[in-house]
Protein backbone atom coordinates (compact mmCIF):
# COMPACT_ATOMS: atom_id res chain seq x y z
CA MET A 1 91.98 25.10 -70.98
CA LYS A 2 92.30 23.60 -67.98
CA PRO A 3 93.10 25.89 -65.32
CA GLU A 4 95.07 24.48 -62.10
CA VAL A 5 93.00 24.71 -58.84
CA ILE A 6 95.20 25.80 -55.60
CA SER A 7 93.86 26.38 -52.64
CA VAL A 8 93.89 29.83 -51.04
CA PRO A 9 93.23 30.78 -47.77
CA LEU A 10 90.81 33.29 -47.37
CA GLN A 11 93.28 35.66 -45.46
CA ASP A 12 95.59 35.39 -47.94
CA ARG A 13 93.30 36.69 -50.93
CA ALA A 14 94.03 40.13 -51.04
CA ASN A 15 97.85 40.20 -50.69
CA LYS A 16 98.03 37.36 -53.01
CA LEU A 17 95.70 38.96 -55.59
CA ARG A 18 97.28 42.47 -55.41
CA ASP A 19 100.63 40.88 -56.06
CA TRP A 20 99.48 39.56 -59.11
CA LEU A 21 98.11 42.01 -60.73
CA GLN A 22 101.12 43.89 -59.76
CA ASN A 23 103.40 41.20 -61.78
CA GLN A 24 101.13 41.42 -64.57
CA GLY A 25 98.62 39.08 -64.22
CA ARG A 26 95.13 39.56 -64.82
CA LEU A 27 91.56 38.95 -62.77
CA GLY A 28 89.31 36.98 -64.31
CA LEU A 29 86.35 36.76 -62.77
CA ILE A 30 85.45 36.12 -58.77
CA THR A 31 82.40 33.83 -57.87
CA SER A 32 81.47 30.59 -56.19
CA ILE A 33 79.93 27.39 -56.76
CA ASP A 34 77.24 26.61 -54.33
CA GLY A 35 77.88 29.88 -51.76
CA GLU A 36 80.71 27.49 -49.68
CA GLN A 37 83.55 28.99 -50.90
CA LEU A 38 84.98 31.55 -53.02
CA ILE A 39 86.73 30.93 -56.38
CA THR A 40 89.38 33.45 -58.20
CA LEU A 41 90.46 33.05 -61.32
CA VAL A 42 93.41 34.66 -62.21
CA LEU A 43 94.81 34.85 -65.94
CA ASP A 44 98.84 34.73 -66.64
CA PRO A 45 98.61 35.95 -69.96
CA LYS A 46 102.48 35.96 -70.53
CA GLN A 47 102.36 32.03 -70.06
CA ASN A 48 98.77 31.87 -71.62
CA LYS A 49 97.35 29.39 -68.78
CA ALA A 50 94.83 30.41 -66.02
CA SER A 51 94.38 29.14 -62.18
CA ILE A 52 91.71 28.93 -59.69
CA TRP A 53 92.15 30.10 -56.38
CA ASN A 54 89.67 28.21 -53.98
CA SER A 55 88.99 29.47 -50.63
CA PRO A 56 86.66 28.03 -48.45
CA LEU A 57 83.99 29.49 -46.22
CA GLU A 58 83.32 29.30 -42.23
CA SER A 59 80.23 31.86 -42.63
CA ASP A 60 78.33 33.80 -44.75
CA ASP A 61 80.58 37.07 -44.32
CA TYR A 62 84.16 37.37 -45.71
CA PRO A 63 86.63 40.33 -45.71
CA SER A 64 86.13 42.18 -49.23
CA LEU A 65 89.15 42.41 -51.62
CA THR A 66 87.33 45.63 -53.08
CA PRO A 67 89.17 48.06 -50.86
CA VAL A 68 92.57 46.94 -52.37
CA VAL A 69 91.51 46.14 -55.44
CA PRO A 70 88.89 48.09 -56.88
CA GLN A 71 87.74 45.72 -60.21
CA CYS A 72 86.17 43.50 -57.62
CA HIS A 73 83.66 45.32 -56.58
CA TRP A 74 81.00 44.13 -59.11
CA PHE A 75 82.25 40.58 -58.51
CA GLU A 76 80.75 40.91 -54.67
CA ARG A 77 78.02 42.79 -55.32
CA THR A 78 76.84 40.04 -57.53
CA LEU A 79 77.64 37.16 -55.07
CA TRP A 80 75.81 38.99 -52.39
CA ASP A 81 72.55 39.17 -54.54
CA MET A 82 73.06 35.35 -56.07
CA PHE A 83 74.66 33.83 -52.99
CA GLY A 84 74.17 35.95 -49.69
CA LEU A 85 77.85 36.33 -49.33
CA ASN A 86 78.48 39.19 -47.62
CA PRO A 87 81.65 41.29 -48.40
CA GLN A 88 82.87 42.94 -44.95
CA GLY A 89 84.60 46.27 -45.67
CA HIS A 90 82.89 46.74 -48.91
CA PRO A 91 82.64 50.51 -49.31
CA ARG A 92 79.30 50.81 -51.40
CA LEU A 93 77.29 47.20 -50.84
CA LYS A 94 74.20 47.93 -53.13
CA HIS A 95 72.42 45.16 -55.08
CA ASN A 96 73.17 44.62 -58.72
CA LEU A 97 70.35 42.59 -59.80
CA LEU A 98 68.15 42.27 -57.48
CA HIS A 99 65.95 44.82 -57.43
CA GLU A 100 63.37 45.97 -54.80
CA PRO A 101 60.68 44.03 -56.11
CA TYR A 102 62.38 40.34 -55.33
CA ASP A 103 61.69 38.36 -52.30
CA PRO A 104 64.36 39.44 -49.70
CA ALA A 105 65.12 35.90 -49.11
CA LEU A 106 65.78 34.94 -52.46
CA LEU A 107 69.48 33.52 -53.22
CA PRO A 108 68.82 32.01 -56.88
CA LEU A 109 72.16 30.28 -56.81
CA ARG A 110 71.84 28.78 -53.24
CA ASP A 111 68.43 27.12 -53.25
CA GLY A 112 67.55 26.43 -49.61
CA HIS A 113 69.93 28.73 -47.98
CA GLN A 114 68.64 31.48 -45.82
CA PRO A 115 70.48 35.04 -46.02
CA GLN A 116 71.76 36.85 -43.07
CA GLU A 117 69.79 40.10 -41.83
CA ALA A 118 72.04 42.11 -43.55
CA ASN A 119 70.98 40.56 -46.78
CA GLY A 120 67.30 40.52 -45.90
CA HIS A 121 66.24 43.95 -47.30
CA ARG A 122 66.40 45.26 -51.36
CA GLN A 123 66.77 49.02 -50.55
CA TYR A 124 69.62 50.64 -52.96
CA HIS A 125 70.65 54.06 -51.95
CA ASN A 126 72.29 56.20 -54.76
CA LEU A 127 75.57 58.12 -53.78
CA GLU A 128 74.52 61.96 -53.07
CA VAL A 129 76.65 64.85 -53.91
CA LYS A 130 75.54 67.79 -51.83
CA GLY A 131 76.54 71.08 -51.93
CA GLU A 132 74.93 74.94 -53.21
CA GLY A 133 73.62 74.62 -56.98
CA ILE A 134 73.92 70.77 -57.08
CA TYR A 135 70.55 69.29 -58.71
CA GLU A 136 70.35 65.53 -60.05
CA ILE A 137 69.25 64.66 -63.75
CA PRO A 138 67.62 60.58 -63.74
CA VAL A 139 67.76 58.91 -66.49
CA GLY A 140 65.94 55.84 -67.34
CA PRO A 141 65.73 53.05 -66.56
CA ILE A 142 62.86 53.35 -69.92
CA HIS A 143 65.16 55.18 -72.54
CA ALA A 144 63.63 57.17 -75.69
CA GLY A 145 65.46 54.82 -77.93
CA ILE A 146 65.31 51.25 -78.99
CA ILE A 147 68.09 50.35 -76.18
CA GLU A 148 67.53 47.80 -73.04
CA PRO A 149 66.80 49.64 -69.62
CA GLY A 150 69.22 50.77 -67.19
CA HIS A 151 69.31 53.84 -64.95
CA PHE A 152 71.83 56.60 -64.81
CA ARG A 153 71.55 59.54 -62.14
CA PHE A 154 73.74 62.39 -62.84
CA SER A 155 75.07 64.61 -60.17
CA CYS A 156 75.87 68.22 -61.61
CA LEU A 157 76.73 71.50 -61.20
CA GLY A 158 75.58 73.94 -63.95
CA GLU A 159 76.53 71.87 -66.90
CA VAL A 160 79.06 69.90 -65.55
CA VAL A 161 78.83 65.80 -64.14
CA LEU A 162 80.36 65.93 -60.90
CA ASN A 163 79.10 62.01 -60.80
CA LEU A 164 77.17 59.32 -62.57
CA GLU A 165 75.49 56.54 -60.58
CA ILE A 166 74.99 53.68 -62.86
CA ARG A 167 72.33 51.11 -61.81
CA LEU A 168 71.48 48.01 -63.96
CA GLY A 169 69.73 44.55 -63.85
CA TYR A 170 66.67 45.26 -65.15
CA VAL A 171 67.13 42.48 -67.68
CA HIS A 172 68.45 39.71 -65.34
CA ARG A 173 66.99 36.68 -66.58
CA GLY A 174 68.51 34.06 -64.54
CA VAL A 175 71.07 32.80 -67.55
CA GLU A 176 73.65 31.34 -65.33
CA LYS A 177 70.92 29.51 -63.22
CA ARG A 178 69.17 28.25 -66.58
CA LEU A 179 72.86 26.99 -68.07
CA THR A 180 72.61 24.13 -64.88
CA GLU A 181 68.94 22.76 -65.45
CA VAL A 182 69.19 22.36 -69.37
CA PRO A 183 70.78 19.13 -71.05
CA TRP A 184 74.51 19.85 -71.71
CA ARG A 185 73.75 19.34 -75.22
CA LYS A 186 70.88 22.09 -75.43
CA ALA A 187 73.06 24.48 -73.82
CA ARG A 188 74.53 26.10 -76.45
CA PHE A 189 71.52 27.87 -77.22
CA VAL A 190 71.04 29.46 -73.79
CA ALA A 191 74.62 30.97 -73.85
CA GLU A 192 74.94 32.47 -76.83
CA ALA A 193 71.40 34.10 -76.04
CA ALA A 194 73.62 35.49 -73.26
CA ALA A 195 73.45 38.92 -75.49
CA SER A 196 71.96 39.51 -78.45
CA ASP A 197 74.97 40.99 -80.28
CA THR A 198 77.49 38.59 -78.80
CA VAL A 199 76.36 35.69 -80.12
CA ALA A 200 79.45 34.54 -82.04
CA ALA A 201 81.71 34.74 -79.18
CA ASN A 202 79.50 33.51 -76.15
CA ALA A 203 79.02 30.31 -78.48
CA LEU A 204 82.44 30.09 -79.14
CA ALA A 205 83.42 30.60 -75.55
CA HIS A 206 80.90 28.04 -74.42
CA ALA A 207 82.20 25.62 -76.79
CA VAL A 208 86.02 26.31 -75.70
CA ALA A 209 84.83 25.61 -71.87
CA MET A 210 83.02 22.64 -73.00
CA GLU A 211 85.98 20.97 -74.78
CA SER A 212 88.24 21.86 -72.34
CA ILE A 213 86.19 19.57 -70.04
CA PHE A 214 86.14 16.35 -72.56
CA GLU A 215 89.93 17.22 -73.38
CA VAL A 216 88.87 17.61 -77.39
CA ALA A 217 89.95 19.80 -79.69
CA ALA A 218 87.51 20.84 -83.05
CA PRO A 219 89.13 20.15 -86.43
CA LEU A 220 91.28 23.07 -88.31
CA ARG A 221 88.79 23.64 -90.58
CA ALA A 222 85.95 24.35 -87.68
CA GLU A 223 88.34 26.35 -86.07
CA ALA A 224 88.92 28.74 -88.78
CA LEU A 225 85.16 29.13 -89.65
CA ARG A 226 84.89 29.57 -86.08
CA THR A 227 87.49 32.48 -86.25
CA LEU A 228 85.50 33.72 -89.31
CA SER A 229 82.02 33.74 -87.56
CA LEU A 230 84.11 35.80 -84.55
CA GLU A 231 86.20 38.50 -86.35
CA ILE A 232 82.54 38.89 -88.78
CA GLU A 233 80.43 39.89 -85.45
CA ARG A 234 83.40 42.05 -84.52
CA VAL A 235 83.68 43.83 -87.89
CA ALA A 236 80.04 44.41 -87.61
CA MET A 237 79.81 45.83 -84.33
CA HIS A 238 82.90 47.99 -84.91
CA ILE A 239 80.96 49.74 -88.14
CA ALA A 240 78.21 49.98 -85.55
CA ASP A 241 79.83 51.58 -82.59
CA LEU A 242 81.69 54.22 -85.10
CA GLY A 243 78.48 55.16 -86.88
CA GLY A 244 77.08 55.56 -83.56
CA ILE A 245 79.49 57.83 -82.52
CA ALA A 246 79.29 59.24 -85.99
CA GLY A 247 75.58 60.36 -85.23
CA ASP A 248 76.04 61.63 -81.80
CA ILE A 249 78.40 64.06 -82.97
CA GLY A 250 75.75 65.34 -85.80
CA TYR A 251 77.98 63.63 -88.39
CA LEU A 252 75.11 61.97 -90.08
CA ALA A 253 76.62 61.46 -93.59
CA VAL A 254 79.25 59.27 -91.82
CA SER A 255 76.12 57.84 -89.53
CA SER A 256 73.88 56.57 -92.58
CA SER A 257 77.02 55.55 -93.96
CA MET A 258 78.03 52.88 -91.67
CA ALA A 259 74.47 51.74 -91.40
CA ARG A 260 74.49 50.55 -94.66
CA LEU A 261 78.11 48.87 -94.73
CA ARG A 262 76.92 47.34 -91.39
CA GLY A 263 74.11 45.36 -93.47
CA ASN A 264 77.03 44.23 -95.78
CA ALA A 265 78.89 42.77 -92.81
CA LEU A 266 75.89 41.22 -91.69
CA ARG A 267 75.56 39.54 -95.26
CA MET A 268 79.03 38.02 -94.42
CA GLY A 269 77.72 36.35 -91.64
CA GLU A 270 74.64 35.28 -93.27
CA LEU A 271 77.18 33.65 -96.22
CA LEU A 272 78.67 31.85 -93.30
CA THR A 273 76.09 30.57 -90.90
CA GLY A 274 72.74 31.31 -92.35
CA THR A 275 71.66 33.71 -90.28
CA ARG A 276 72.82 37.53 -90.12
CA PHE A 277 73.35 37.27 -86.20
CA GLN A 278 74.83 33.88 -86.73
CA ARG A 279 72.78 31.76 -84.25
CA ALA A 280 73.18 27.97 -83.61
CA PHE A 281 76.27 27.69 -86.06
CA ILE A 282 79.01 27.27 -83.46
CA MET A 283 78.74 24.25 -80.75
CA PRO A 284 81.08 22.10 -79.05
CA GLY A 285 83.35 20.33 -81.20
CA GLY A 286 83.23 22.53 -84.22
CA ILE A 287 80.20 23.81 -85.88
CA ILE A 288 76.84 22.75 -87.13
CA ALA A 289 77.53 22.49 -91.26
CA ASP A 290 79.67 23.59 -93.83
CA PRO A 291 79.29 26.74 -95.83
CA GLY A 292 80.34 25.43 -98.91
CA ASP A 293 82.54 26.49 -101.55
CA LYS A 294 80.13 29.00 -103.48
CA ASN A 295 79.25 30.99 -99.82
CA LEU A 296 82.82 31.02 -99.01
CA THR A 297 83.53 32.48 -102.66
CA GLU A 298 81.10 34.78 -102.46
CA LEU A 299 82.06 35.77 -98.47
CA LYS A 300 85.26 36.68 -99.77
CA GLN A 301 84.12 38.77 -102.37
CA THR A 302 82.24 40.98 -99.83
CA ALA A 303 85.06 41.08 -97.43
CA GLY A 304 86.94 42.63 -99.78
CA LYS A 305 84.36 44.98 -100.90
CA LEU A 306 83.54 46.23 -97.78
CA LYS A 307 86.92 46.87 -97.04
CA GLN A 308 86.98 49.16 -100.38
CA ASP A 309 83.91 50.78 -99.50
CA LEU A 310 85.00 51.23 -95.55
CA HIS A 311 88.05 53.28 -96.67
CA PRO A 312 86.65 56.71 -97.71
CA VAL A 313 84.06 56.75 -94.96
CA ILE A 314 86.31 55.91 -92.02
CA GLU A 315 88.62 58.81 -94.03
CA PHE A 316 86.15 61.38 -94.35
CA LEU A 317 85.58 61.03 -90.09
CA MET A 318 88.62 61.22 -89.35
CA ASN A 319 90.04 63.65 -91.37
CA ASN A 320 87.30 65.86 -90.57
CA GLN A 321 88.62 68.60 -87.87
CA VAL A 322 85.23 69.48 -86.56
CA ALA A 323 84.58 65.83 -85.76
CA CYS A 324 88.01 65.37 -84.22
CA GLU A 325 87.88 68.25 -82.41
CA ARG A 326 84.20 66.95 -80.76
CA MET A 327 85.97 63.69 -79.66
CA GLN A 328 89.66 64.53 -78.35
CA ARG A 329 89.55 65.24 -74.62
CA ILE A 330 86.08 63.99 -74.16
CA GLY A 331 85.57 61.27 -71.54
CA ARG A 332 89.30 60.72 -70.77
CA LEU A 333 89.94 57.86 -68.32
CA SER A 334 93.94 57.74 -67.39
CA PRO A 335 95.60 54.19 -68.28
CA GLN A 336 96.56 54.06 -64.25
CA LEU A 337 92.66 54.14 -63.76
CA ALA A 338 92.00 51.53 -66.67
CA LYS A 339 94.63 49.34 -65.01
CA ASP A 340 93.05 49.74 -61.35
CA PHE A 341 89.76 48.70 -62.78
CA GLY A 342 90.88 46.04 -65.29
CA LEU A 343 89.60 47.73 -68.30
CA VAL A 344 88.84 45.49 -71.42
CA GLY A 345 88.72 45.32 -74.91
CA ILE A 346 88.44 48.72 -76.86
CA ALA A 347 88.28 50.61 -73.57
CA GLY A 348 91.62 49.57 -72.03
CA ARG A 349 93.65 49.79 -75.27
CA ALA A 350 92.71 53.48 -75.79
CA SER A 351 94.06 53.65 -72.34
CA GLY A 352 96.95 51.85 -72.70
CA VAL A 353 96.19 48.26 -71.88
CA GLN A 354 98.24 46.06 -73.74
CA TYR A 355 95.99 42.79 -73.56
CA ASP A 356 93.76 41.69 -76.22
CA ALA A 357 92.81 37.63 -74.98
CA ARG A 358 93.51 36.56 -79.06
CA ALA A 359 97.13 36.84 -78.64
CA HIS A 360 97.21 34.64 -75.51
CA PHE A 361 94.47 32.23 -75.25
CA LYS A 362 93.15 29.46 -77.14
CA HIS A 363 90.34 30.03 -79.22
CA GLY A 364 89.50 29.43 -82.81
CA MET A 365 92.71 30.15 -84.61
CA PHE A 366 94.07 31.79 -81.75
CA PRO A 367 96.55 32.93 -80.16
CA GLU A 368 98.76 31.48 -83.04
CA GLU A 369 96.85 34.16 -85.85
CA GLY A 370 96.48 36.86 -82.84
CA PRO A 371 96.96 40.37 -84.13
CA THR A 372 98.97 42.67 -82.32
CA PRO A 373 96.89 45.17 -80.39
CA ALA A 374 96.44 48.40 -81.15
CA VAL A 375 96.84 50.50 -78.33
CA GLU A 376 96.49 54.12 -77.64
CA GLN A 377 97.31 56.32 -74.63
CA ASN A 378 94.96 59.42 -74.01
CA GLY A 379 92.03 57.30 -72.82
CA ASP A 380 89.24 59.65 -74.61
CA VAL A 381 86.44 59.14 -77.18
CA PHE A 382 88.72 60.20 -79.61
CA CYS A 383 91.45 56.93 -78.91
CA ARG A 384 88.51 54.81 -78.72
CA ALA A 385 87.31 55.41 -82.19
CA GLN A 386 90.91 55.03 -83.44
CA VAL A 387 91.53 51.98 -81.71
CA ARG A 388 87.92 50.79 -82.90
CA ILE A 389 89.09 51.68 -86.25
CA ASN A 390 92.93 50.13 -86.41
CA ASP A 391 90.79 46.44 -84.81
CA LEU A 392 88.14 46.82 -87.86
CA SER A 393 91.05 47.05 -90.52
CA SER A 394 92.81 44.26 -88.99
CA SER A 395 89.60 41.89 -88.55
CA ILE A 396 88.88 42.51 -91.99
CA GLN A 397 92.47 41.42 -92.86
CA LEU A 398 92.36 38.43 -90.40
CA ILE A 399 89.40 37.24 -92.83
CA GLU A 400 90.78 37.71 -96.35
CA ASN A 401 93.64 35.49 -94.63
CA ILE A 402 91.85 32.69 -93.65
CA LEU A 403 89.62 32.53 -96.74
CA SER A 404 92.46 32.73 -98.71
CA ASP A 405 93.94 29.48 -97.40
CA LEU A 406 91.49 27.84 -95.56
CA PRO A 407 91.95 24.52 -94.07
CA THR A 408 90.26 21.26 -95.29
CA GLY A 409 88.46 18.14 -93.76
CA ALA A 410 85.76 17.83 -91.24
CA VAL A 411 84.05 20.32 -89.22
CA SER A 412 83.01 18.76 -86.42
CA SER A 413 84.33 16.10 -83.43
CA LYS A 414 82.10 13.96 -81.66
CA LEU A 415 81.96 14.14 -78.37
CA PRO A 416 80.54 11.80 -75.62
CA ASP A 417 76.76 12.13 -74.38
CA THR A 418 77.74 12.01 -70.74
CA LEU A 419 79.68 14.95 -69.30
CA PRO A 420 82.80 14.03 -67.29
CA GLY A 421 82.45 14.19 -63.21
CA ASP A 422 84.12 16.86 -60.90
CA SER A 423 85.72 18.65 -64.01
CA ILE A 424 86.15 22.37 -64.86
CA GLY A 425 85.70 23.80 -68.18
CA LEU A 426 87.24 27.44 -69.06
CA GLY A 427 86.49 29.56 -71.98
CA ILE A 428 88.03 32.64 -72.92
CA VAL A 429 87.37 34.31 -76.07
CA GLU A 430 88.22 38.26 -77.16
CA ALA A 431 84.69 39.53 -78.06
CA HIS A 432 84.19 42.87 -79.59
CA ARG A 433 84.12 44.38 -76.40
CA GLY A 434 87.08 42.87 -74.75
CA GLU A 435 87.24 39.35 -72.74
CA LEU A 436 84.41 37.15 -72.46
CA ILE A 437 84.61 34.08 -70.30
CA HIS A 438 82.72 30.81 -69.80
CA LEU A 439 84.07 29.02 -66.47
CA VAL A 440 81.64 25.21 -65.65
CA PHE A 441 81.83 23.11 -62.85
CA THR A 442 80.48 19.58 -63.22
CA ASP A 443 79.27 17.52 -60.21
CA ALA A 444 80.67 13.97 -59.58
CA ARG A 445 77.74 12.50 -61.67
CA GLY A 446 78.56 14.69 -64.85
CA LYS A 447 75.65 17.30 -64.02
CA ILE A 448 76.65 20.76 -64.71
CA LYS A 449 76.16 22.05 -60.92
CA ARG A 450 77.71 26.14 -62.16
CA TYR A 451 78.48 27.88 -64.86
CA ALA A 452 79.45 31.41 -64.60
CA ILE A 453 79.78 34.23 -67.14
CA LYS A 454 81.75 37.39 -67.24
CA ASP A 455 81.00 39.69 -69.88
CA PRO A 456 83.53 42.14 -71.06
CA SER A 457 80.93 45.04 -70.13
CA LEU A 458 81.24 43.98 -66.52
CA ASN A 459 84.86 45.15 -66.46
CA ASN A 460 84.05 48.22 -68.12
CA TRP A 461 80.88 50.30 -66.52
CA THR A 462 82.84 52.28 -63.69
CA ALA A 463 84.85 53.13 -66.61
CA LEU A 464 82.21 54.88 -68.00
CA ALA A 465 81.04 56.90 -64.89
CA ILE A 466 84.25 57.88 -64.23
CA ALA A 467 85.07 59.33 -67.86
CA ILE A 468 82.34 61.38 -67.61
CA ARG A 469 82.87 63.17 -64.50
CA ASN A 470 84.30 66.61 -65.03
CA ASN A 471 82.54 66.68 -68.32
CA LEU A 472 79.46 68.19 -69.75
CA VAL A 473 76.18 66.47 -69.64
CA ALA A 474 75.60 66.95 -73.44
CA ASP A 475 78.80 64.89 -73.81
CA PHE A 476 77.58 62.23 -72.25
CA PRO A 477 75.86 60.47 -75.27
CA LEU A 478 79.28 60.64 -77.13
CA CYS A 479 81.24 59.39 -74.43
CA ASN A 480 78.64 56.32 -73.83
CA LYS A 481 78.47 55.24 -77.37
CA SER A 482 82.26 55.34 -77.42
CA PHE A 483 81.79 52.24 -74.68
CA SER A 484 79.26 50.96 -76.09
CA LEU A 485 78.47 48.65 -73.30
CA SER A 486 75.77 45.76 -73.00
CA TYR A 487 73.32 46.03 -70.46
CA SER A 488 72.27 42.22 -70.95
CA GLY A 489 75.74 40.80 -71.05
CA HIS A 490 75.72 42.27 -67.19
CA ASP A 491 72.49 41.42 -65.74
CA LEU A 492 73.25 37.90 -66.99
């Protein structure tokens, strides 16, 4: 997809973006190329189009959009860290990725630029809730389970959570910077490693972005096989998340069954790509190799068997009155808040957001084969589980449909050795957590000068903090698992 570039004066951004969102447009991401401008990617799902608003900067200070459009707050905090750009009027400006040990003068994506005094510190202040009987529960960043690090600070009155402060950035690896340093043909290995449970989606988003720069399409058979890879990853992760929800309820029969069935889904990935986590399979121009008829026949048989085996386990979970009551009215997020904070994926559709990138933007066999999004309205753990189940069912059906009518022919298109100069590439993919975006800019010599990734978790972390308010402390693990967000996808 080639986004249209539009010049938008800095003072017009707030009203223009507010109007855009009110007219059912979407905000993709906000970033900068080199700190000299603000880049706002806006999406028009109805027209299957995207536009870039380019707003030149005269100084490091600019008016914050967050008071007008709340979902901008993560983007503006990241711009402060990475480029030293200071959003004037941001209600709670805090460092997002670079913690206290980092040099205050470090601006990773703006080499040689010294920050203004306002950016020359690394102090982080948690929001304090005051009053008689209020106490705090700090959790992490090191956790008891084998999960990535993140700090959660609960402000409680008795057993009720009044506020949750989430601090991330502990696994910041400089992924975006590294993607501008490696040769473009090797960049796919870095891109797909941005989040280890989203390999296929990141690889596909990278491939689509690079193909849009070259204005080259992958062959039909490659698009079908890439779609299989994406949907297999979605199936495996939805099964894992449903098992995690069951485990946090204490429903171990379902939890252990889902763990076993996830192994069958990973076997599908191995048959298709050669590895269970589908590394190094999708590349710009197509795929690395055809899996062959034997593997594809076994893959189809495995998909049918998985659908058959999943049915009684899901029925066991959703027909259990105790399990359902444990999920209902817990961690509720209203449709209005979901819209205000730009929720995506399962979390968004469980709160009435009728948006699935598979139905709107070109990737794999989508949007032609895009499923009808499953949508619920109540926005609680139960609704997120129900949307996940519906998504799981449609993905397995799609896998079977593709395998029943798989195109023949080549699996890759030859791409030039050098990227075009002064070009833009955009890849939008519906990952298992929601809308994933890769945005690429090349310089005059055809070298990647900016590579921006927006993981779906960035849209949804604030939703978790809001959803747990006025719930019990003991409800947090279940609520957290129902969102199933990525630390590394956010931290990059």
